[in-house]
Amino acid sequence: MENQEDGKGVLLSVLAGIGIGVIVGGIAGLLFAPKAGTEIRETVTKTLSDLAAKVSDLSQQASERVKTVMDTTTSNAEEEAPSEETASEQA
């Protein structure tokens, strides 16, 4: 059970690191690019839109992976746990 919580924590840390890196890199690129104010605003708008789409996709993928892990873990736990009939027969 602890391994699942550790895995979730690692996954969230990785996703947070990726998100922060994308944001910092995008801002740095915009600040050092020699463009007019109008072009920068258009670029910022497009970049934020693309970023939102990427974050949405990543969160969907992470959600699907976590669900798969939870389903697998649940089915493995059910297979390993003694059934009620077996437990009452042993008593």
Protein backbone atom coordinates (compact mmCIF):
# COMPACT_ATOMS: atom_id res chain seq x y z
CA MET A 1 0.00 0.00 0.00
CA GLU A 2 2.86 2.35 0.79
CA ASN A 3 4.39 1.64 -2.62
CA GLN A 4 1.25 2.96 -4.30
CA GLU A 5 1.37 6.18 -2.31
CA ASP A 6 5.08 6.57 -3.07
CA GLY A 7 4.39 5.97 -6.76
CA LYS A 8 1.65 8.59 -6.80
CA GLY A 9 3.92 11.08 -5.06
CA VAL A 10 6.70 10.48 -7.55
CA LEU A 11 4.31 10.81 -10.49
CA LEU A 12 2.91 14.08 -9.16
CA SER A 13 6.43 15.40 -8.54
CA VAL A 14 7.49 14.55 -12.08
CA LEU A 15 4.40 16.16 -13.59
CA ALA A 16 4.85 19.26 -11.44
CA GLY A 17 8.52 19.50 -12.48
CA ILE A 18 7.63 19.20 -16.14
CA GLY A 19 4.92 21.84 -15.82
CA ILE A 20 7.17 24.29 -14.02
CA GLY A 21 9.95 23.72 -16.56
CA VAL A 22 7.60 24.41 -19.46
CA ILE A 23 6.33 27.61 -17.86
CA VAL A 24 9.79 28.94 -16.95
CA GLY A 25 11.17 28.06 -20.39
CA GLY A 26 8.26 29.71 -22.15
CA ILE A 27 8.56 32.90 -20.14
CA ALA A 28 12.33 33.07 -20.63
CA GLY A 29 11.91 32.56 -24.37
CA LEU A 30 9.35 35.33 -24.60
CA LEU A 31 11.37 37.78 -22.55
CA PHE A 32 14.54 37.33 -24.58
CA ALA A 33 12.87 37.28 -28.00
CA PRO A 34 13.26 40.52 -29.98
CA LYS A 35 9.62 41.13 -30.94
CA ALA A 36 7.16 43.97 -30.82
CA GLY A 37 4.60 44.12 -27.96
CA THR A 38 1.72 43.03 -30.19
CA GLU A 39 3.64 40.00 -31.42
CA ILE A 40 4.62 39.06 -27.88
CA ARG A 41 1.00 39.25 -26.70
CA GLU A 42 -0.11 37.04 -29.58
CA THR A 43 2.70 34.61 -28.84
CA VAL A 44 1.84 34.56 -25.13
CA THR A 45 -1.80 33.87 -25.91
CA LYS A 46 -0.91 31.02 -28.27
CA THR A 47 1.68 29.60 -25.88
CA LEU A 48 -0.74 29.62 -22.94
CA SER A 49 -3.39 27.96 -25.07
CA ASP A 50 -0.94 25.25 -26.15
CA LEU A 51 0.23 24.82 -22.56
CA ALA A 52 -3.33 24.39 -21.34
CA ALA A 53 -3.91 21.70 -23.95
CA LYS A 54 -0.69 19.89 -22.99
CA VAL A 55 -1.52 20.03 -19.28
CA SER A 56 -4.98 18.69 -20.02
CA ASP A 57 -3.52 15.82 -22.06
CA LEU A 58 -0.92 15.01 -19.40
CA SER A 59 -3.49 15.03 -16.62
CA GLN A 60 -5.74 12.74 -18.65
CA GLN A 61 -2.85 10.32 -19.25
CA ALA A 62 -1.85 10.42 -15.58
CA SER A 63 -5.44 9.81 -14.53
CA GLU A 64 -5.70 6.80 -16.84
CA ARG A 65 -2.41 5.37 -15.55
CA VAL A 66 -3.41 5.82 -11.91
CA LYS A 67 -6.77 4.17 -12.61
CA THR A 68 -5.02 1.24 -14.28
CA VAL A 69 -2.65 0.82 -11.35
CA MET A 70 -5.52 1.02 -8.86
CA ASP A 71 -7.58 -1.53 -10.80
CA THR A 72 -4.62 -3.91 -11.04
CA THR A 73 -3.82 -3.52 -7.36
CA THR A 74 -7.43 -4.06 -6.36
CA SER A 75 -7.75 -7.21 -8.45
CA ASN A 76 -4.43 -8.54 -7.11
CA ALA A 77 -5.55 -7.86 -3.53
CA GLU A 78 -8.86 -9.61 -4.14
CA GLU A 79 -7.07 -12.65 -5.57
CA GLU A 80 -4.71 -12.86 -2.60
CA ALA A 81 -7.29 -12.23 0.13
CA PRO A 82 -9.01 -15.35 1.43
CA SER A 83 -12.65 -15.53 0.54
CA GLU A 84 -15.32 -15.40 3.27
CA GLU A 85 -16.16 -19.08 2.74
CA THR A 86 -12.52 -20.13 3.10
CA ALA A 87 -12.09 -18.00 6.21
CA SER A 88 -15.23 -19.44 7.87
CA GLU A 89 -14.20 -23.01 6.99
CA GLN A 90 -10.80 -22.50 8.60
CA ALA A 91 -12.35 -21.19 11.83
